[in-house]
Amino acid sequence: MGLIAELKEQVKVAKEKDPAALSAFEIILTYSGVHAIISHRIAHWLNKKKIPFFPRWISQVSKFYTGIEIHPGAQIGRRLFIDHGTGVVIGETTVVGDNCLLYQGVTLGGTGKERGKRHPTLGNNVIVSAGAKVLGSITIGSNVIIGAGAVVINPVPDDCTVVGVPGKIVKIKGEKVLSDEFHRMNLPDPVNDLLIDLKSRIDVLENEIKAIREKDKNKNK
């Protein structure tokens, strides 16, 4: 996709995802997320061509003006929208699918100094809310919502909502997931089951003994 087509698509996405967007003119001139993505497209293309220095230089200039740092090596799908964007960091081996939405303060980063694939992979239609951190070479499925301030260090399947530190799945396909505490409260209790079984056996024996006594009593009359 050419830069003009990319810019038109970014304007369209901004209008769809940001209710504050008033006009294409305003979006093109004032939306730092749009500027960062367009700059990244150029830097990424140069990076793929193995051109030294300039991809990182473009990335750092973009960071200076937008507050958004996207490594030239990151692979970003179509229709990504970065809302507000200040403090967003996207690492070198990050892969972002189509139609994703990132809010301010989001980090798609690594967990240390490991080499190779060390940043997350996001599926399509992923929303990462303000301040959330997705760390390590993990896969986040499609149609996932990551709550504000969450720290996600484990893979997440499709159609889930994740919140908290560390991130935990609280919804799957819109249905609430019961808490660990609830599951612990409702675990099978083998001791209690054994006691119930013993009580029922004792009741049977007591009834049989009572019947025998009644029978003996009737005989002695």
N, C-alpha and C. Protein backbone atom coordinates (compact mmCIF):
# COMPACT_ATOMS: atom_id res chain seq x y z
N MET A 1 0.84 -1.19 0.00
CA MET A 1 0.00 0.00 0.00
C MET A 1 0.88 1.24 0.00
N GLY A 2 0.59 2.20 -0.88
CA GLY A 2 1.35 3.43 -0.95
C GLY A 2 1.05 4.34 0.23
N LEU A 3 1.90 5.36 0.42
CA LEU A 3 1.73 6.25 1.57
C LEU A 3 0.44 7.05 1.50
N ILE A 4 0.04 7.45 0.29
CA ILE A 4 -1.21 8.21 0.15
C ILE A 4 -2.40 7.34 0.54
N ALA A 5 -2.40 6.10 0.05
CA ALA A 5 -3.47 5.17 0.41
C ALA A 5 -3.46 4.88 1.90
N GLU A 6 -2.26 4.73 2.47
CA GLU A 6 -2.13 4.50 3.90
C GLU A 6 -2.68 5.67 4.70
N LEU A 7 -2.35 6.87 4.27
CA LEU A 7 -2.83 8.07 4.97
C LEU A 7 -4.35 8.16 4.91
N LYS A 8 -4.93 7.86 3.75
CA LYS A 8 -6.39 7.89 3.62
C LYS A 8 -7.03 6.85 4.55
N GLU A 9 -6.42 5.67 4.62
CA GLU A 9 -6.96 4.63 5.49
C GLU A 9 -6.85 5.05 6.95
N GLN A 10 -5.73 5.68 7.32
CA GLN A 10 -5.56 6.14 8.70
C GLN A 10 -6.60 7.19 9.06
N VAL A 11 -6.90 8.07 8.16
CA VAL A 11 -7.92 9.09 8.39
C VAL A 11 -9.28 8.42 8.60
N LYS A 12 -9.59 7.45 7.78
CA LYS A 12 -10.86 6.73 7.89
C LYS A 12 -10.95 5.99 9.23
N VAL A 13 -9.87 5.34 9.62
CA VAL A 13 -9.85 4.61 10.90
C VAL A 13 -10.02 5.56 12.07
N ALA A 14 -9.33 6.70 12.03
CA ALA A 14 -9.44 7.69 13.10
C ALA A 14 -10.88 8.17 13.25
N LYS A 15 -11.55 8.40 12.13
CA LYS A 15 -12.95 8.85 12.19
C LYS A 15 -13.85 7.77 12.79
N GLU A 16 -13.53 6.50 12.50
CA GLU A 16 -14.34 5.40 13.02
C GLU A 16 -14.12 5.17 14.51
N LYS A 17 -12.88 5.33 14.97
CA LYS A 17 -12.54 4.91 16.33
C LYS A 17 -12.41 6.05 17.33
N ASP A 18 -12.36 7.27 16.86
CA ASP A 18 -12.23 8.40 17.78
C ASP A 18 -13.42 9.35 17.58
N PRO A 19 -14.33 9.39 18.54
CA PRO A 19 -15.50 10.28 18.40
C PRO A 19 -15.12 11.76 18.38
N ALA A 20 -13.89 12.08 18.82
CA ALA A 20 -13.46 13.47 18.82
C ALA A 20 -12.93 13.92 17.46
N ALA A 21 -12.75 12.98 16.53
CA ALA A 21 -12.21 13.33 15.21
C ALA A 21 -13.26 14.13 14.42
N LEU A 22 -12.87 15.32 13.98
CA LEU A 22 -13.82 16.21 13.30
C LEU A 22 -13.65 16.24 11.79
N SER A 23 -12.41 16.20 11.31
CA SER A 23 -12.19 16.32 9.87
C SER A 23 -10.88 15.66 9.49
N ALA A 24 -10.77 15.34 8.21
CA ALA A 24 -9.53 14.75 7.70
C ALA A 24 -8.37 15.72 7.87
N PHE A 25 -8.62 16.99 7.67
CA PHE A 25 -7.57 18.01 7.81
C PHE A 25 -7.01 18.02 9.22
N GLU A 26 -7.90 17.98 10.20
CA GLU A 26 -7.46 17.97 11.60
C GLU A 26 -6.66 16.71 11.92
N ILE A 27 -7.15 15.56 11.45
CA ILE A 27 -6.48 14.28 11.72
C ILE A 27 -5.07 14.28 11.14
N ILE A 28 -4.94 14.71 9.91
CA ILE A 28 -3.64 14.69 9.24
C ILE A 28 -2.63 15.60 9.95
N LEU A 29 -3.09 16.74 10.43
CA LEU A 29 -2.18 17.72 11.02
C LEU A 29 -1.90 17.50 12.50
N THR A 30 -2.85 16.92 13.23
CA THR A 30 -2.72 16.93 14.70
C THR A 30 -2.68 15.56 15.37
N TYR A 31 -2.93 14.47 14.67
CA TYR A 31 -3.00 13.16 15.32
C TYR A 31 -1.63 12.50 15.36
N SER A 32 -1.03 12.47 16.55
CA SER A 32 0.33 11.92 16.68
C SER A 32 0.38 10.44 16.34
N GLY A 33 -0.70 9.71 16.64
CA GLY A 33 -0.73 8.29 16.30
C GLY A 33 -0.63 8.06 14.80
N VAL A 34 -1.32 8.89 14.04
CA VAL A 34 -1.26 8.79 12.58
C VAL A 34 0.15 9.11 12.10
N HIS A 35 0.75 10.17 12.64
CA HIS A 35 2.11 10.54 12.24
C HIS A 35 3.09 9.41 12.53
N ALA A 36 2.94 8.79 13.71
CA ALA A 36 3.86 7.72 14.11
C ALA A 36 3.74 6.51 13.18
N ILE A 37 2.52 6.16 12.80
CA ILE A 37 2.32 5.00 11.93
C ILE A 37 2.86 5.27 10.53
N ILE A 38 2.61 6.44 9.98
CA ILE A 38 3.13 6.78 8.65
C ILE A 38 4.66 6.77 8.67
N SER A 39 5.25 7.34 9.72
CA SER A 39 6.72 7.33 9.84
C SER A 39 7.23 5.89 9.92
N HIS A 40 6.50 5.06 10.67
CA HIS A 40 6.94 3.67 10.80
C HIS A 40 6.88 2.94 9.46
N ARG A 41 5.86 3.21 8.66
CA ARG A 41 5.78 2.53 7.34
C ARG A 41 7.04 2.82 6.52
N ILE A 42 7.50 4.07 6.58
CA ILE A 42 8.71 4.44 5.83
C ILE A 42 9.93 3.74 6.43
N ALA A 43 10.06 3.82 7.76
CA ALA A 43 11.21 3.22 8.44
C ALA A 43 11.24 1.71 8.26
N HIS A 44 10.09 1.08 8.31
CA HIS A 44 10.02 -0.37 8.16
C HIS A 44 10.42 -0.79 6.75
N TRP A 45 9.98 -0.03 5.75
CA TRP A 45 10.34 -0.33 4.36
C TRP A 45 11.86 -0.23 4.18
N LEU A 46 12.45 0.81 4.73
CA LEU A 46 13.91 0.98 4.64
C LEU A 46 14.62 -0.14 5.39
N ASN A 47 14.07 -0.53 6.54
CA ASN A 47 14.67 -1.60 7.34
C ASN A 47 14.67 -2.93 6.59
N LYS A 48 13.58 -3.20 5.88
CA LYS A 48 13.49 -4.43 5.08
C LYS A 48 14.51 -4.42 3.94
N LYS A 49 14.85 -3.25 3.46
CA LYS A 49 15.84 -3.12 2.39
C LYS A 49 17.27 -3.16 2.93
N LYS A 50 17.41 -3.37 4.25
CA LYS A 50 18.71 -3.47 4.89
C LYS A 50 19.50 -2.17 4.81
N ILE A 51 18.80 -1.05 4.73
CA ILE A 51 19.47 0.25 4.70
C ILE A 51 19.83 0.62 6.14
N PRO A 52 21.09 0.90 6.41
CA PRO A 52 21.50 1.18 7.79
C PRO A 52 21.14 2.58 8.24
N PHE A 53 21.10 2.77 9.54
CA PHE A 53 20.98 4.05 10.22
C PHE A 53 19.65 4.76 10.02
N PHE A 54 19.23 4.97 8.77
CA PHE A 54 18.07 5.81 8.51
C PHE A 54 16.76 5.28 9.11
N PRO A 55 16.51 3.97 9.10
CA PRO A 55 15.28 3.50 9.76
C PRO A 55 15.22 3.90 11.23
N ARG A 56 16.32 3.70 11.97
CA ARG A 56 16.34 4.07 13.38
C ARG A 56 16.27 5.58 13.56
N TRP A 57 16.90 6.30 12.68
CA TRP A 57 16.86 7.77 12.76
C TRP A 57 15.43 8.26 12.59
N ILE A 58 14.72 7.71 11.61
CA ILE A 58 13.31 8.09 11.41
C ILE A 58 12.48 7.74 12.63
N SER A 59 12.73 6.55 13.17
CA SER A 59 12.01 6.11 14.37
C SER A 59 12.22 7.06 15.54
N GLN A 60 13.46 7.49 15.74
CA GLN A 60 13.76 8.37 16.86
C GLN A 60 13.24 9.78 16.66
N VAL A 61 13.28 10.26 15.43
CA VAL A 61 12.70 11.57 15.14
C VAL A 61 11.19 11.53 15.38
N SER A 62 10.55 10.46 14.93
CA SER A 62 9.12 10.30 15.15
C SER A 62 8.81 10.25 16.65
N LYS A 63 9.64 9.52 17.40
CA LYS A 63 9.46 9.45 18.85
C LYS A 63 9.54 10.84 19.48
N PHE A 64 10.48 11.63 19.03
CA PHE A 64 10.68 12.98 19.57
C PHE A 64 9.43 13.84 19.36
N TYR A 65 8.84 13.74 18.18
CA TYR A 65 7.69 14.60 17.85
C TYR A 65 6.35 14.04 18.32
N THR A 66 6.25 12.72 18.43
CA THR A 66 4.94 12.13 18.74
C THR A 66 4.85 11.51 20.13
N GLY A 67 6.00 11.20 20.75
CA GLY A 67 5.97 10.50 22.03
C GLY A 67 5.70 9.02 21.89
N ILE A 68 5.74 8.52 20.65
CA ILE A 68 5.45 7.11 20.36
C ILE A 68 6.71 6.49 19.74
N GLU A 69 7.16 5.38 20.32
CA GLU A 69 8.36 4.72 19.80
C GLU A 69 8.00 3.37 19.19
N ILE A 70 8.19 3.27 17.89
CA ILE A 70 7.95 2.01 17.17
C ILE A 70 9.26 1.62 16.49
N HIS A 71 9.79 0.47 16.87
CA HIS A 71 11.04 0.03 16.25
C HIS A 71 10.79 -0.27 14.77
N PRO A 72 11.74 0.09 13.90
CA PRO A 72 11.56 -0.15 12.46
C PRO A 72 11.32 -1.62 12.11
N GLY A 73 11.79 -2.54 12.97
CA GLY A 73 11.61 -3.97 12.68
C GLY A 73 10.23 -4.50 12.99
N ALA A 74 9.44 -3.76 13.76
CA ALA A 74 8.10 -4.23 14.13
C ALA A 74 7.22 -4.37 12.90
N GLN A 75 6.42 -5.43 12.89
CA GLN A 75 5.50 -5.69 11.77
C GLN A 75 4.09 -5.28 12.19
N ILE A 76 3.54 -4.29 11.50
CA ILE A 76 2.25 -3.74 11.89
C ILE A 76 1.25 -3.93 10.76
N GLY A 77 0.11 -4.52 11.09
CA GLY A 77 -0.92 -4.76 10.10
C GLY A 77 -1.68 -3.50 9.72
N ARG A 78 -2.70 -3.69 8.94
CA ARG A 78 -3.50 -2.56 8.46
C ARG A 78 -4.45 -2.06 9.54
N ARG A 79 -4.80 -0.80 9.43
CA ARG A 79 -5.85 -0.17 10.24
C ARG A 79 -5.53 -0.13 11.74
N LEU A 80 -4.23 -0.12 12.08
CA LEU A 80 -3.88 0.12 13.48
C LEU A 80 -4.21 1.58 13.81
N PHE A 81 -4.82 1.80 14.99
CA PHE A 81 -5.06 3.16 15.45
C PHE A 81 -4.46 3.32 16.83
N ILE A 82 -3.64 4.33 17.00
CA ILE A 82 -3.03 4.64 18.28
C ILE A 82 -3.71 5.90 18.80
N ASP A 83 -4.52 5.74 19.84
CA ASP A 83 -5.32 6.86 20.36
C ASP A 83 -4.52 7.61 21.42
N HIS A 84 -4.36 8.90 21.26
CA HIS A 84 -3.51 9.75 22.10
C HIS A 84 -2.05 9.34 21.89
N GLY A 85 -1.65 8.20 22.44
CA GLY A 85 -0.38 7.61 22.03
C GLY A 85 0.82 7.90 22.88
N THR A 86 0.83 8.96 23.67
CA THR A 86 2.03 9.29 24.44
C THR A 86 2.49 8.10 25.28
N GLY A 87 3.76 7.77 25.16
CA GLY A 87 4.33 6.68 25.95
C GLY A 87 4.19 5.30 25.36
N VAL A 88 3.60 5.18 24.18
CA VAL A 88 3.48 3.87 23.53
C VAL A 88 4.85 3.41 23.05
N VAL A 89 5.18 2.15 23.35
CA VAL A 89 6.45 1.56 22.91
C VAL A 89 6.15 0.22 22.25
N ILE A 90 6.64 0.03 21.04
CA ILE A 90 6.45 -1.22 20.29
C ILE A 90 7.83 -1.75 19.91
N GLY A 91 8.16 -2.93 20.42
CA GLY A 91 9.50 -3.48 20.26
C GLY A 91 9.79 -4.05 18.88
N GLU A 92 11.05 -4.38 18.68
CA GLU A 92 11.58 -4.76 17.37
C GLU A 92 10.88 -5.96 16.74
N THR A 93 10.64 -7.02 17.52
CA THR A 93 10.09 -8.25 16.94
C THR A 93 8.58 -8.38 17.18
N THR A 94 7.96 -7.27 17.53
CA THR A 94 6.51 -7.27 17.72
C THR A 94 5.81 -7.48 16.38
N VAL A 95 4.71 -8.23 16.43
CA VAL A 95 3.83 -8.38 15.26
C VAL A 95 2.43 -7.96 15.70
N VAL A 96 1.84 -7.03 14.99
CA VAL A 96 0.49 -6.54 15.31
C VAL A 96 -0.42 -6.84 14.12
N GLY A 97 -1.54 -7.49 14.38
CA GLY A 97 -2.47 -7.84 13.32
C GLY A 97 -3.26 -6.65 12.81
N ASP A 98 -4.31 -6.93 12.08
CA ASP A 98 -5.14 -5.87 11.48
C ASP A 98 -6.19 -5.35 12.46
N ASN A 99 -6.53 -4.07 12.27
CA ASN A 99 -7.66 -3.46 12.97
C ASN A 99 -7.48 -3.44 14.49
N CYS A 100 -6.25 -3.21 14.94
CA CYS A 100 -5.99 -3.16 16.38
C CYS A 100 -6.06 -1.72 16.89
N LEU A 101 -6.20 -1.59 18.21
CA LEU A 101 -6.33 -0.27 18.84
C LEU A 101 -5.45 -0.23 20.08
N LEU A 102 -4.54 0.74 20.14
CA LEU A 102 -3.66 0.93 21.29
C LEU A 102 -3.93 2.29 21.90
N TYR A 103 -3.99 2.34 23.23
CA TYR A 103 -4.15 3.60 23.93
C TYR A 103 -2.81 4.05 24.52
N GLN A 104 -2.82 5.21 25.16
CA GLN A 104 -1.57 5.79 25.66
C GLN A 104 -0.92 4.91 26.71
N GLY A 105 0.42 4.96 26.73
CA GLY A 105 1.18 4.25 27.74
C GLY A 105 1.30 2.75 27.53
N VAL A 106 0.88 2.25 26.39
CA VAL A 106 0.95 0.81 26.12
C VAL A 106 2.38 0.42 25.76
N THR A 107 2.82 -0.72 26.30
CA THR A 107 4.12 -1.28 25.93
C THR A 107 3.94 -2.67 25.36
N LEU A 108 4.43 -2.88 24.17
CA LEU A 108 4.52 -4.22 23.58
C LEU A 108 6.02 -4.53 23.57
N GLY A 109 6.50 -5.10 24.67
CA GLY A 109 7.93 -5.17 24.88
C GLY A 109 8.45 -6.55 25.21
N GLY A 110 9.74 -6.59 25.53
CA GLY A 110 10.40 -7.83 25.92
C GLY A 110 10.50 -7.95 27.43
N THR A 111 11.10 -9.04 27.88
CA THR A 111 11.25 -9.27 29.32
C THR A 111 12.70 -9.30 29.77
N GLY A 112 13.63 -9.10 28.86
CA GLY A 112 15.04 -9.14 29.22
C GLY A 112 15.92 -8.90 28.02
N LYS A 113 17.08 -9.56 28.03
CA LYS A 113 18.06 -9.36 26.97
C LYS A 113 18.13 -10.55 26.02
N GLU A 114 17.06 -11.35 26.01
CA GLU A 114 17.07 -12.50 25.10
C GLU A 114 17.09 -12.03 23.65
N ARG A 115 17.54 -12.91 22.77
CA ARG A 115 17.62 -12.57 21.35
C ARG A 115 16.54 -13.31 20.57
N GLY A 116 16.45 -12.99 19.29
CA GLY A 116 15.42 -13.62 18.47
C GLY A 116 14.05 -13.01 18.72
N LYS A 117 13.01 -13.81 18.54
CA LYS A 117 11.65 -13.33 18.76
C LYS A 117 11.42 -13.13 20.26
N ARG A 118 11.35 -11.90 20.68
CA ARG A 118 11.28 -11.61 22.11
C ARG A 118 10.16 -10.64 22.47
N HIS A 119 9.35 -10.30 21.50
CA HIS A 119 8.23 -9.38 21.73
C HIS A 119 6.92 -10.06 21.33
N PRO A 120 5.80 -9.53 21.77
CA PRO A 120 4.52 -10.22 21.55
C PRO A 120 4.02 -10.19 20.11
N THR A 121 3.12 -11.12 19.85
CA THR A 121 2.37 -11.16 18.59
C THR A 121 0.90 -10.97 18.91
N LEU A 122 0.30 -9.95 18.31
CA LEU A 122 -1.12 -9.66 18.51
C LEU A 122 -1.91 -10.10 17.29
N GLY A 123 -3.05 -10.73 17.52
CA GLY A 123 -3.93 -11.11 16.42
C GLY A 123 -4.70 -9.90 15.89
N ASN A 124 -5.80 -10.16 15.22
CA ASN A 124 -6.62 -9.09 14.67
C ASN A 124 -7.64 -8.59 15.70
N ASN A 125 -8.03 -7.34 15.56
CA ASN A 125 -9.10 -6.75 16.40
C ASN A 125 -8.77 -6.80 17.88
N VAL A 126 -7.52 -6.51 18.22
CA VAL A 126 -7.09 -6.50 19.62
C VAL A 126 -7.12 -5.06 20.14
N ILE A 127 -7.66 -4.89 21.35
CA ILE A 127 -7.66 -3.58 22.02
C ILE A 127 -6.76 -3.68 23.25
N VAL A 128 -5.76 -2.80 23.30
CA VAL A 128 -4.87 -2.75 24.47
C VAL A 128 -5.09 -1.39 25.13
N SER A 129 -5.66 -1.43 26.32
CA SER A 129 -6.08 -0.19 27.00
C SER A 129 -4.91 0.54 27.64
N ALA A 130 -5.19 1.74 28.14
CA ALA A 130 -4.15 2.65 28.63
C ALA A 130 -3.27 2.01 29.70
N GLY A 131 -1.97 2.16 29.52
CA GLY A 131 -1.01 1.72 30.52
C GLY A 131 -0.74 0.23 30.56
N ALA A 132 -1.38 -0.55 29.72
CA ALA A 132 -1.18 -2.00 29.75
C ALA A 132 0.19 -2.37 29.18
N LYS A 133 0.74 -3.47 29.70
CA LYS A 133 2.04 -3.96 29.25
C LYS A 133 1.87 -5.41 28.79
N VAL A 134 2.28 -5.67 27.57
CA VAL A 134 2.26 -7.04 27.03
C VAL A 134 3.71 -7.39 26.76
N LEU A 135 4.22 -8.37 27.50
CA LEU A 135 5.67 -8.57 27.53
C LEU A 135 6.07 -9.99 27.15
N GLY A 136 7.11 -10.09 26.36
CA GLY A 136 7.67 -11.39 26.00
C GLY A 136 7.15 -11.91 24.69
N SER A 137 7.73 -13.02 24.26
CA SER A 137 7.35 -13.64 23.00
C SER A 137 6.10 -14.50 23.20
N ILE A 138 4.99 -13.82 23.43
CA ILE A 138 3.71 -14.50 23.66
C ILE A 138 2.74 -14.12 22.55
N THR A 139 1.72 -14.94 22.38
CA THR A 139 0.72 -14.67 21.35
C THR A 139 -0.59 -14.26 22.01
N ILE A 140 -1.11 -13.13 21.57
CA ILE A 140 -2.41 -12.65 22.01
C ILE A 140 -3.38 -12.91 20.86
N GLY A 141 -4.41 -13.68 21.11
CA GLY A 141 -5.34 -14.07 20.05
C GLY A 141 -6.13 -12.90 19.49
N SER A 142 -6.95 -13.19 18.51
CA SER A 142 -7.80 -12.16 17.90
C SER A 142 -9.00 -11.85 18.80
N ASN A 143 -9.53 -10.64 18.63
CA ASN A 143 -10.73 -10.20 19.38
C ASN A 143 -10.51 -10.21 20.88
N VAL A 144 -9.29 -9.85 21.30
CA VAL A 144 -8.94 -9.79 22.72
C VAL A 144 -8.98 -8.35 23.20
N ILE A 145 -9.46 -8.16 24.43
CA ILE A 145 -9.43 -6.85 25.09
C ILE A 145 -8.52 -6.97 26.30
N ILE A 146 -7.51 -6.10 26.38
CA ILE A 146 -6.62 -6.06 27.53
C ILE A 146 -6.92 -4.79 28.31
N GLY A 147 -7.28 -4.96 29.58
CA GLY A 147 -7.72 -3.85 30.40
C GLY A 147 -6.61 -2.88 30.76
N ALA A 148 -7.00 -1.69 31.19
CA ALA A 148 -6.05 -0.65 31.56
C ALA A 148 -5.14 -1.11 32.69
N GLY A 149 -3.85 -0.87 32.53
CA GLY A 149 -2.89 -1.19 33.57
C GLY A 149 -2.53 -2.65 33.71
N ALA A 150 -3.10 -3.52 32.89
CA ALA A 150 -2.80 -4.95 32.99
C ALA A 150 -1.36 -5.22 32.59
N VAL A 151 -0.79 -6.28 33.16
CA VAL A 151 0.54 -6.76 32.77
C VAL A 151 0.37 -8.20 32.30
N VAL A 152 0.51 -8.40 31.01
CA VAL A 152 0.24 -9.71 30.41
C VAL A 152 1.56 -10.37 30.03
N ILE A 153 1.83 -11.52 30.62
CA ILE A 153 3.08 -12.24 30.36
C ILE A 153 2.84 -13.67 29.89
N ASN A 154 1.57 -14.04 29.76
CA ASN A 154 1.21 -15.38 29.28
C ASN A 154 0.33 -15.28 28.05
N PRO A 155 0.36 -16.29 27.18
CA PRO A 155 -0.48 -16.25 25.97
C PRO A 155 -1.97 -16.12 26.32
N VAL A 156 -2.70 -15.50 25.42
CA VAL A 156 -4.15 -15.32 25.61
C VAL A 156 -4.86 -15.84 24.36
N PRO A 157 -5.83 -16.75 24.51
CA PRO A 157 -6.55 -17.25 23.33
C PRO A 157 -7.52 -16.22 22.76
N ASP A 158 -8.13 -16.56 21.66
CA ASP A 158 -9.08 -15.65 21.01
C ASP A 158 -10.26 -15.32 21.92
N ASP A 159 -10.87 -14.15 21.66
CA ASP A 159 -12.18 -13.79 22.24
C ASP A 159 -12.16 -13.68 23.76
N CYS A 160 -11.06 -13.18 24.33
CA CYS A 160 -10.96 -13.08 25.78
C CYS A 160 -10.79 -11.63 26.22
N THR A 161 -11.14 -11.38 27.49
CA THR A 161 -10.85 -10.11 28.16
C THR A 161 -9.89 -10.39 29.30
N VAL A 162 -8.80 -9.61 29.37
CA VAL A 162 -7.76 -9.83 30.37
C VAL A 162 -7.59 -8.57 31.20
N VAL A 163 -7.52 -8.72 32.53
CA VAL A 163 -7.28 -7.58 33.42
C VAL A 163 -6.31 -7.99 34.51
N GLY A 164 -5.74 -6.98 35.20
CA GLY A 164 -4.98 -7.24 36.41
C GLY A 164 -3.50 -7.42 36.22
N VAL A 165 -2.81 -7.56 37.38
CA VAL A 165 -1.37 -7.77 37.44
C VAL A 165 -1.10 -8.99 38.33
N PRO A 166 -0.61 -10.09 37.83
CA PRO A 166 -0.45 -10.36 36.39
C PRO A 166 -1.82 -10.52 35.71
N GLY A 167 -1.84 -10.38 34.41
CA GLY A 167 -3.09 -10.44 33.68
C GLY A 167 -3.80 -11.78 33.82
N LYS A 168 -5.11 -11.72 34.09
CA LYS A 168 -5.92 -12.92 34.17
C LYS A 168 -7.14 -12.78 33.27
N ILE A 169 -7.54 -13.88 32.69
CA ILE A 169 -8.71 -13.88 31.82
C ILE A 169 -9.97 -13.80 32.68
N VAL A 170 -10.80 -12.79 32.42
CA VAL A 170 -12.04 -12.64 33.19
C VAL A 170 -13.29 -12.87 32.34
N LYS A 171 -13.12 -12.86 31.03
CA LYS A 171 -14.25 -13.15 30.14
C LYS A 171 -13.76 -13.97 28.95
N ILE A 172 -14.58 -14.90 28.52
CA ILE A 172 -14.35 -15.64 27.29
C ILE A 172 -15.61 -15.55 26.45
N LYS A 173 -15.48 -14.98 25.26
CA LYS A 173 -16.62 -14.76 24.38
C LYS A 173 -17.75 -14.03 25.08
N GLY A 174 -17.37 -13.05 25.90
CA GLY A 174 -18.35 -12.21 26.58
C GLY A 174 -18.92 -12.79 27.86
N GLU A 175 -18.61 -14.05 28.16
CA GLU A 175 -19.13 -14.70 29.36
C GLU A 175 -18.09 -14.60 30.48
N LYS A 176 -18.53 -14.22 31.69
CA LYS A 176 -17.61 -14.09 32.81
C LYS A 176 -17.01 -15.43 33.19
N VAL A 177 -15.72 -15.38 33.51
CA VAL A 177 -15.02 -16.57 34.00
C VAL A 177 -15.06 -16.53 35.52
N LEU A 178 -15.49 -17.63 36.16
CA LEU A 178 -15.56 -17.66 37.61
C LEU A 178 -14.16 -17.59 38.21
N SER A 179 -14.07 -16.96 39.36
CA SER A 179 -12.77 -16.73 40.00
C SER A 179 -12.16 -18.02 40.50
N ASP A 180 -10.84 -17.98 40.74
CA ASP A 180 -10.14 -19.13 41.32
C ASP A 180 -10.72 -19.49 42.68
N GLU A 181 -11.11 -18.45 43.45
CA GLU A 181 -11.67 -18.69 44.77
C GLU A 181 -12.96 -19.48 44.68
N PHE A 182 -13.79 -19.12 43.68
CA PHE A 182 -15.05 -19.85 43.50
C PHE A 182 -14.76 -21.32 43.19
N HIS A 183 -13.78 -21.53 42.29
CA HIS A 183 -13.45 -22.92 41.94
C HIS A 183 -12.92 -23.69 43.14
N ARG A 184 -12.11 -23.02 43.98
CA ARG A 184 -11.60 -23.69 45.17
C ARG A 184 -12.72 -24.04 46.13
N MET A 185 -13.69 -23.12 46.25
CA MET A 185 -14.83 -23.36 47.14
C MET A 185 -15.69 -24.52 46.66
N ASN A 186 -15.64 -24.80 45.38
CA ASN A 186 -16.52 -25.82 44.83
C ASN A 186 -15.78 -27.07 44.35
N LEU A 187 -14.55 -27.22 44.83
CA LEU A 187 -13.82 -28.45 44.49
C LEU A 187 -14.45 -29.65 45.20
N PRO A 188 -14.36 -30.84 44.62
CA PRO A 188 -14.87 -32.04 45.29
C PRO A 188 -14.16 -32.23 46.62
N ASP A 189 -14.92 -32.72 47.65
CA ASP A 189 -14.38 -32.96 48.99
C ASP A 189 -14.49 -34.45 49.28
N PRO A 190 -13.43 -35.24 49.00
CA PRO A 190 -13.52 -36.69 49.16
C PRO A 190 -13.76 -37.11 50.60
N VAL A 191 -13.22 -36.37 51.58
CA VAL A 191 -13.43 -36.71 52.98
C VAL A 191 -14.90 -36.56 53.36
N ASN A 192 -15.46 -35.45 52.93
CA ASN A 192 -16.88 -35.23 53.23
C ASN A 192 -17.75 -36.28 52.54
N ASP A 193 -17.39 -36.62 51.29
CA ASP A 193 -18.15 -37.67 50.57
C ASP A 193 -18.06 -39.00 51.31
N LEU A 194 -16.87 -39.33 51.87
CA LEU A 194 -16.69 -40.58 52.60
C LEU A 194 -17.54 -40.59 53.88
N LEU A 195 -17.56 -39.46 54.57
CA LEU A 195 -18.36 -39.37 55.80
C LEU A 195 -19.84 -39.54 55.51
N ILE A 196 -20.30 -38.95 54.42
CA ILE A 196 -21.72 -39.09 54.05
C ILE A 196 -22.04 -40.55 53.74
N ASP A 197 -21.10 -41.22 53.00
CA ASP A 197 -21.30 -42.62 52.68
C ASP A 197 -21.33 -43.49 53.94
N LEU A 198 -20.41 -43.21 54.89
CA LEU A 198 -20.38 -43.97 56.15
C LEU A 198 -21.65 -43.76 56.96
N LYS A 199 -22.12 -42.53 56.97
CA LYS A 199 -23.35 -42.25 57.72
C LYS A 199 -24.53 -43.01 57.15
N SER A 200 -24.59 -43.06 55.81
CA SER A 200 -25.71 -43.79 55.19
C SER A 200 -25.63 -45.29 55.52
N ARG A 201 -24.40 -45.82 55.54
CA ARG A 201 -24.22 -47.24 55.88
C ARG A 201 -24.61 -47.50 57.35
N ILE A 202 -24.20 -46.59 58.24
CA ILE A 202 -24.56 -46.72 59.65
C ILE A 202 -26.08 -46.68 59.83
N ASP A 203 -26.73 -45.78 59.10
CA ASP A 203 -28.18 -45.69 59.18
C ASP A 203 -28.83 -47.00 58.75
N VAL A 204 -28.30 -47.61 57.68
CA VAL A 204 -28.84 -48.90 57.22
C VAL A 204 -28.66 -49.96 58.29
N LEU A 205 -27.46 -50.04 58.88
CA LEU A 205 -27.18 -51.03 59.92
C LEU A 205 -28.06 -50.82 61.15
N GLU A 206 -28.22 -49.55 61.55
CA GLU A 206 -29.07 -49.27 62.70
C GLU A 206 -30.51 -49.70 62.44
N ASN A 207 -30.97 -49.48 61.22
CA ASN A 207 -32.34 -49.90 60.89
C ASN A 207 -32.47 -51.41 60.91
N GLU A 208 -31.41 -52.11 60.40
CA GLU A 208 -31.45 -53.57 60.42
C GLU A 208 -31.42 -54.11 61.85
N ILE A 209 -30.57 -53.51 62.71
CA ILE A 209 -30.51 -53.92 64.12
C ILE A 209 -31.84 -53.67 64.82
N LYS A 210 -32.42 -52.54 64.54
CA LYS A 210 -33.71 -52.22 65.13
C LYS A 210 -34.77 -53.23 64.70
N ALA A 211 -34.73 -53.63 63.39
CA ALA A 211 -35.71 -54.60 62.89
C ALA A 211 -35.51 -55.95 63.57
N ILE A 212 -34.25 -56.36 63.76
CA ILE A 212 -33.96 -57.65 64.41
C ILE A 212 -34.45 -57.63 65.87
N ARG A 213 -34.21 -56.53 66.56
CA ARG A 213 -34.64 -56.40 67.94
C ARG A 213 -36.17 -56.47 68.05
N GLU A 214 -36.82 -55.81 67.13
CA GLU A 214 -38.28 -55.84 67.14
C GLU A 214 -38.79 -57.26 66.89
N LYS A 215 -38.11 -57.96 65.99
CA LYS A 215 -38.51 -59.33 65.68
C LYS A 215 -38.31 -60.23 66.89
N ASP A 216 -37.14 -60.12 67.58
CA ASP A 216 -36.87 -60.90 68.78
C ASP A 216 -37.87 -60.59 69.89
N LYS A 217 -38.19 -59.34 69.99
CA LYS A 217 -39.15 -58.89 71.01
C LYS A 217 -40.51 -59.52 70.79
N ASN A 218 -40.92 -59.60 69.55
CA ASN A 218 -42.22 -60.21 69.21
C ASN A 218 -42.22 -61.69 69.48
N LYS A 219 -41.05 -62.34 69.28
CA LYS A 219 -40.97 -63.78 69.54
C LYS A 219 -41.09 -64.10 71.03
N ASN A 220 -40.56 -63.26 71.86
CA ASN A 220 -40.55 -63.49 73.30
C ASN A 220 -41.90 -63.20 73.96
N LYS A 221 -42.79 -62.65 73.26
CA LYS A 221 -44.11 -62.36 73.83
C LYS A 221 -44.94 -63.63 73.92
